[in-house]
Protein backbone atom coordinates (compact mmCIF):
# COMPACT_ATOMS: atom_id res chain seq x y z
CA UNK A 1 1.40 8.93 26.55
CA UNK A 2 -2.17 9.67 25.58
CA UNK A 3 -2.21 12.62 22.72
CA UNK A 4 1.40 12.43 22.21
CA UNK A 5 2.66 12.55 18.59
CA UNK A 6 4.51 9.28 17.34
CA UNK A 7 6.85 11.45 15.16
CA UNK A 8 8.86 14.57 15.53
CA UNK A 9 9.30 17.59 13.44
CA UNK A 10 12.72 18.58 11.75
CA UNK A 11 13.32 21.25 14.31
CA UNK A 12 12.43 18.91 17.33
CA UNK A 13 14.61 16.03 16.00
CA UNK A 14 17.62 18.07 15.08
CA UNK A 15 19.79 17.85 11.91
CA UNK A 16 19.80 14.40 10.51
CA UNK A 17 23.42 12.76 10.52
CA UNK A 18 24.89 12.08 7.04
CA UNK A 19 25.23 8.58 6.24
CA UNK A 20 28.73 7.09 5.10
CA UNK A 21 29.12 7.59 1.25
CA UNK A 22 28.27 4.31 -0.70
CA UNK A 23 27.89 3.50 -4.45
CA UNK A 24 24.65 2.64 -5.98
CA UNK A 25 24.17 -1.06 -5.52
CA UNK A 26 23.49 -2.54 -9.05
CA UNK A 27 20.94 -5.47 -8.81
CA UNK A 28 22.57 -8.92 -9.96
CA UNK A 29 20.99 -10.24 -12.99
CA UNK A 30 20.17 -14.02 -12.98
CA UNK A 31 20.63 -15.92 -16.23
CA UNK A 32 16.92 -15.83 -16.91
CA UNK A 33 16.01 -12.94 -14.75
CA UNK A 34 12.54 -11.16 -15.65
CA UNK A 35 13.31 -7.78 -17.07
CA UNK A 36 10.48 -6.20 -15.23
CA UNK A 37 11.78 -7.59 -12.10
CA UNK A 38 15.12 -6.29 -12.57
CA UNK A 39 13.68 -2.61 -13.31
CA UNK A 40 11.82 -2.80 -10.01
CA UNK A 41 14.78 -3.97 -8.04
CA UNK A 42 17.04 -1.45 -9.50
CA UNK A 43 14.08 1.19 -8.70
CA UNK A 44 14.13 0.11 -4.93
CA UNK A 45 17.98 0.67 -5.05
CA UNK A 46 17.49 4.13 -6.44
CA UNK A 47 15.02 5.15 -3.67
CA UNK A 48 17.36 3.53 -0.88
CA UNK A 49 20.07 5.78 -2.37
CA UNK A 50 17.85 8.61 -2.54
CA UNK A 51 16.95 8.42 1.03
CA UNK A 52 20.61 8.32 2.10
CA UNK A 53 21.44 11.22 0.33
CA UNK A 54 18.56 13.09 1.71
CA UNK A 55 19.77 12.31 5.04
CA UNK A 56 22.94 14.24 4.33
CA UNK A 57 21.17 17.55 3.45
CA UNK A 58 20.36 19.40 6.75
CA UNK A 59 18.60 22.38 4.92
CA UNK A 60 15.80 19.94 3.29
CA UNK A 61 12.33 20.18 4.46
CA UNK A 62 12.38 16.69 6.31
CA UNK A 63 10.99 15.10 9.34
CA UNK A 64 12.66 11.84 10.81
CA UNK A 65 10.15 9.39 11.52
CA UNK A 66 11.03 6.97 14.41
CA UNK A 67 10.03 3.08 14.13
CA UNK A 68 7.22 3.63 16.52
CA UNK A 69 5.57 6.13 14.11
CA UNK A 70 5.66 3.53 11.28
CA UNK A 71 4.62 0.67 13.33
CA UNK A 72 1.25 2.11 13.65
CA UNK A 73 1.21 4.64 10.83
CA UNK A 74 -2.55 5.39 10.80
CA UNK A 75 -2.42 8.93 12.10
CA UNK A 76 0.52 9.84 9.98
CA UNK A 77 -0.83 8.39 6.67
CA UNK A 78 -4.20 10.04 7.39
CA UNK A 79 -2.61 13.31 7.97
CA UNK A 80 -0.59 13.03 4.79
CA UNK A 81 -3.36 11.91 2.49
CA UNK A 82 -5.88 14.22 4.27
CA UNK A 83 -4.12 16.92 2.52
CA UNK A 84 -4.28 15.49 -1.04
CA UNK A 85 -6.18 17.87 -3.61
CA UNK A 86 -5.03 15.97 -6.99
CA UNK A 87 -3.12 12.72 -6.87
CA UNK A 88 -2.12 9.99 -4.39
CA UNK A 89 0.56 7.56 -5.74
CA UNK A 90 1.80 4.61 -3.51
CA UNK A 91 4.11 1.68 -3.61
CA UNK A 92 2.73 -0.84 -1.12
CA UNK A 93 4.88 -4.07 -0.98
CA UNK A 94 4.25 -6.74 1.46
CA UNK A 95 0.77 -7.63 3.01
CA UNK A 96 -2.31 -5.93 3.26
CA UNK A 97 -1.86 -4.01 6.33
CA UNK A 98 -0.39 -0.93 4.68
CA UNK A 99 -2.97 -0.96 1.90
CA UNK A 100 -5.85 -1.25 4.49
CA UNK A 101 -4.22 2.15 6.26
CA UNK A 102 -4.11 3.76 2.85
CA UNK A 103 -7.55 2.84 1.98
CA UNK A 104 -9.08 3.99 5.35
CA UNK A 105 -7.11 7.37 4.96
CA UNK A 106 -8.96 7.55 1.49
CA UNK A 107 -12.14 7.00 3.01
CA UNK A 108 -11.91 9.67 5.49
CA UNK A 109 -10.22 12.15 2.79
CA UNK A 110 -12.66 15.25 2.60
CA UNK A 111 -14.41 16.13 -0.52
CA UNK A 112 -15.21 19.59 -1.79
CA UNK A 113 -17.27 21.07 -4.55
CA UNK A 114 -14.56 22.77 -6.12
CA UNK A 115 -12.07 20.04 -6.07
CA UNK A 116 -11.88 17.52 -8.69
CA UNK A 117 -11.95 13.69 -7.56
CA UNK A 118 -8.60 12.18 -6.37
CA UNK A 119 -6.76 10.09 -9.11
CA UNK A 120 -5.10 7.19 -7.13
CA UNK A 121 -2.54 5.01 -8.53
CA UNK A 122 -1.52 1.99 -6.30
CA UNK A 123 1.32 -0.37 -6.92
CA UNK A 124 0.94 -3.67 -4.97
CA UNK A 125 2.84 -6.85 -4.21
CA UNK A 126 1.80 -9.86 -6.34
CA UNK A 127 -1.88 -10.47 -6.56
CA UNK A 128 -2.88 -8.66 -3.44
CA UNK A 129 -6.56 -8.04 -3.18
CA UNK A 130 -7.21 -4.29 -3.64
CA UNK A 131 -10.55 -2.65 -2.31
CA UNK A 132 -11.21 1.14 -2.63
CA UNK A 133 -13.82 3.62 -1.55
CA UNK A 134 -16.55 3.56 -4.27
CA UNK A 135 -15.79 7.36 -5.00
CA UNK A 136 -12.31 6.64 -5.64
CA UNK A 137 -12.60 3.55 -7.84
CA UNK A 138 -13.39 5.08 -11.00
CA UNK A 139 -10.23 7.32 -11.09
CA UNK A 140 -7.88 4.70 -9.67
CA UNK A 141 -5.14 2.41 -11.26
CA UNK A 142 -3.76 -0.76 -9.79
CA UNK A 143 -0.61 -2.67 -10.97
CA UNK A 144 1.18 -5.64 -9.62
CA UNK A 145 4.79 -6.01 -8.90
CA UNK A 146 6.49 -9.26 -8.78
CA UNK A 147 9.19 -8.05 -6.11
CA UNK A 148 9.49 -5.78 -3.13
CA UNK A 149 9.61 -2.29 -3.32
CA UNK A 150 10.25 0.59 -1.07
CA UNK A 151 6.95 1.66 0.74
CA UNK A 152 6.28 5.10 -0.44
CA UNK A 153 3.43 7.53 -0.76
CA UNK A 154 3.52 10.49 -2.76
CA UNK A 155 0.72 13.17 -2.69
CA UNK A 156 0.17 15.78 -5.17
CA UNK A 157 4.09 15.72 -5.93
CA UNK A 158 4.75 18.05 -3.05
CA UNK A 159 4.64 15.51 -0.12
CA UNK A 160 6.17 11.86 0.18
CA UNK A 161 6.36 9.24 3.03
CA UNK A 162 9.16 6.83 2.64
CA UNK A 163 9.91 3.95 4.71
CA UNK A 164 13.42 2.38 5.00
CA UNK A 165 14.14 -1.10 5.47
CA UNK A 166 16.21 -0.72 8.91
CA UNK A 167 16.45 2.02 11.31
CA UNK A 168 19.47 4.50 11.36
CA UNK A 169 21.72 5.08 14.33
CA UNK A 170 19.13 7.40 15.74
CA UNK A 171 16.23 4.92 15.31
CA UNK A 172 14.72 6.81 12.33
CA UNK A 173 13.04 4.38 9.92
CA UNK A 174 11.53 6.62 7.50
CA UNK A 175 11.15 10.07 6.37
CA UNK A 176 8.30 12.83 5.50
CA UNK A 177 9.49 14.81 2.69
CA UNK A 178 8.11 18.20 1.90
CA UNK A 179 10.63 19.64 -0.29
CA UNK A 180 9.01 19.45 -3.94
CA UNK A 181 12.28 19.01 -5.94
CA UNK A 182 12.99 15.95 -3.84
CA UNK A 183 9.37 14.62 -3.74
CA UNK A 184 9.43 14.97 -7.72
CA UNK A 185 12.55 12.98 -7.78
CA UNK A 186 10.95 10.11 -5.64
CA UNK A 187 7.86 10.43 -7.70
CA UNK A 188 9.71 9.83 -11.00
CA UNK A 189 11.37 6.82 -9.29
CA UNK A 190 7.80 5.24 -8.30
CA UNK A 191 6.65 6.20 -11.80
CA UNK A 192 9.57 4.11 -13.26
CA UNK A 193 8.36 1.16 -11.14
CA UNK A 194 4.62 1.85 -12.34
CA UNK A 195 5.74 1.56 -16.01
CA UNK A 196 7.60 -1.63 -15.56
CA UNK A 197 4.52 -3.19 -13.38
CA UNK A 198 1.64 -5.22 -14.96
CA UNK A 199 -1.74 -3.74 -14.98
CA UNK A 200 -4.05 -5.66 -12.77
CA UNK A 201 -7.28 -5.60 -14.81
CA UNK A 202 -9.14 -7.73 -12.18
CA UNK A 203 -9.13 -5.41 -9.35
CA UNK A 204 -12.50 -3.86 -10.41
CA UNK A 205 -14.19 -7.11 -10.98
CA UNK A 206 -12.83 -8.68 -7.55
CA UNK A 207 -14.18 -5.73 -5.70
CA UNK A 208 -17.60 -6.08 -7.18
CA UNK A 209 -18.04 -9.90 -6.92
CA UNK A 210 -16.68 -9.93 -2.95
CA UNK A 211 -19.34 -7.09 -2.41
CA UNK A 212 -22.33 -8.96 -3.52
CA UNK A 213 -24.96 -10.38 -1.32
CA UNK A 214 -24.02 -13.93 -2.08
CA UNK A 215 -20.35 -13.73 -1.69
CA UNK A 216 -21.25 -12.07 1.90
CA UNK A 217 -23.32 -14.82 2.85
CA UNK A 218 -20.84 -17.41 2.03
CA UNK A 219 -18.19 -15.44 3.84
CA UNK A 220 -20.46 -15.21 6.93
CA UNK A 221 -20.83 -19.09 7.03
CA UNK A 222 -17.11 -19.49 6.51
CA UNK A 223 -16.28 -17.47 9.37
CA UNK A 224 -18.82 -19.39 11.39
CA UNK A 225 -17.29 -22.69 10.34
CA UNK A 226 -20.65 -24.02 9.03
CA UNK A 227 -20.25 -26.95 7.12
CA UNK A 228 -20.71 -27.05 3.37
CA UNK A 229 -23.81 -29.30 3.57
CA UNK A 230 -25.62 -26.89 6.33
CA UNK A 231 -24.39 -23.72 4.34
CA UNK A 232 -25.78 -24.83 1.09
CA UNK A 233 -29.09 -25.77 2.65
CA UNK A 234 -29.56 -22.58 4.55
CA UNK A 235 -28.69 -20.61 1.21
CA UNK A 236 -30.97 -22.80 -0.70
CA UNK A 237 -28.27 -23.63 -3.28
CA UNK A 238 -26.79 -27.01 -4.29
CA UNK A 239 -23.80 -28.18 -2.56
CA UNK A 240 -21.91 -27.73 -5.92
CA UNK A 241 -22.95 -24.16 -6.34
CA UNK A 242 -21.97 -23.32 -2.99
CA UNK A 243 -18.46 -24.91 -3.20
CA UNK A 244 -18.08 -23.06 -6.60
CA UNK A 245 -18.69 -19.75 -4.64
CA UNK A 246 -16.08 -20.83 -1.89
CA UNK A 247 -13.39 -21.49 -4.72
CA UNK A 248 -14.17 -18.20 -6.14
CA UNK A 249 -13.93 -16.30 -2.82
CA UNK A 250 -10.60 -18.05 -2.19
CA UNK A 251 -9.21 -17.22 -5.46
CA UNK A 252 -10.22 -13.55 -5.25
CA UNK A 253 -8.66 -13.21 -1.81
CA UNK A 254 -5.60 -15.15 -2.86
CA UNK A 255 -6.08 -17.54 0.30
CA UNK A 256 -4.71 -21.09 0.35
CA UNK A 257 -7.22 -22.11 3.09
CA UNK A 258 -10.94 -21.21 4.10
CA UNK A 259 -9.40 -19.98 7.48
CA UNK A 260 -6.92 -17.43 5.49
CA UNK A 261 -10.07 -16.32 3.53
CA UNK A 262 -11.91 -15.45 6.51
CA UNK A 263 -9.07 -13.60 8.13
CA UNK A 264 -8.53 -11.54 4.92
CA UNK A 265 -12.33 -10.89 4.83
CA UNK A 266 -12.15 -9.39 8.11
CA UNK A 267 -9.08 -7.50 7.47
CA UNK A 268 -10.70 -6.05 4.32
CA UNK A 269 -13.69 -5.15 6.01
CA UNK A 270 -15.83 -7.25 4.13
CA UNK A 271 -17.64 -8.75 7.34
């Protein structure tokens, strides 16, 4: 229904059912497991356990989020990030979809003369390309994790969005948490993952190159399916130079094919 909210308040949803008690699951250590990966896996288990424990507390300031709210979370993320005054910390595993939603919310974040710029920390999967609004970039940190994390967004240490891997019996697939003590605990878990992850020093360089005029021209021709020879002639560069730019763009976008590079360029609003 048009205009209907996709999520329920705590009062509307009613008390959340308490889950069956379960011990904290310890990640199995492979004979040659990466210690960083072990820390990240353990952190994910801690977050999952914390979410289960939160659902057993009827007096907490929680909102159950049904699957439909998180399938298209633009409105929800924009609402939470829009209220940020100091910090936004996010763990964003998987593909670029949730990162795109968060970036759009940061672009629309209201600015005010009496507020300092937002400090943003992003923990992303692998070498997922990261683009941020120019006014955010200077106070942003990006780190790369080699394994999946529970998707989490923490704002100002006061509000958090947490996604669950599977819906519970009532169809809830996440939580909007506004209890400050609980949010601080979730924030410490994400901080642990951040400390264990690898800094991604290339993010700003990738952002700069992909927004250059020559990269934009190459991306346009890739999207149109122009042959290398024709594209090089149109751009007045040698065939070897053109192909070098194509290879650099594919590397920056972590794309295995030219088609995949074009798709990711569109998703990231480079075109």
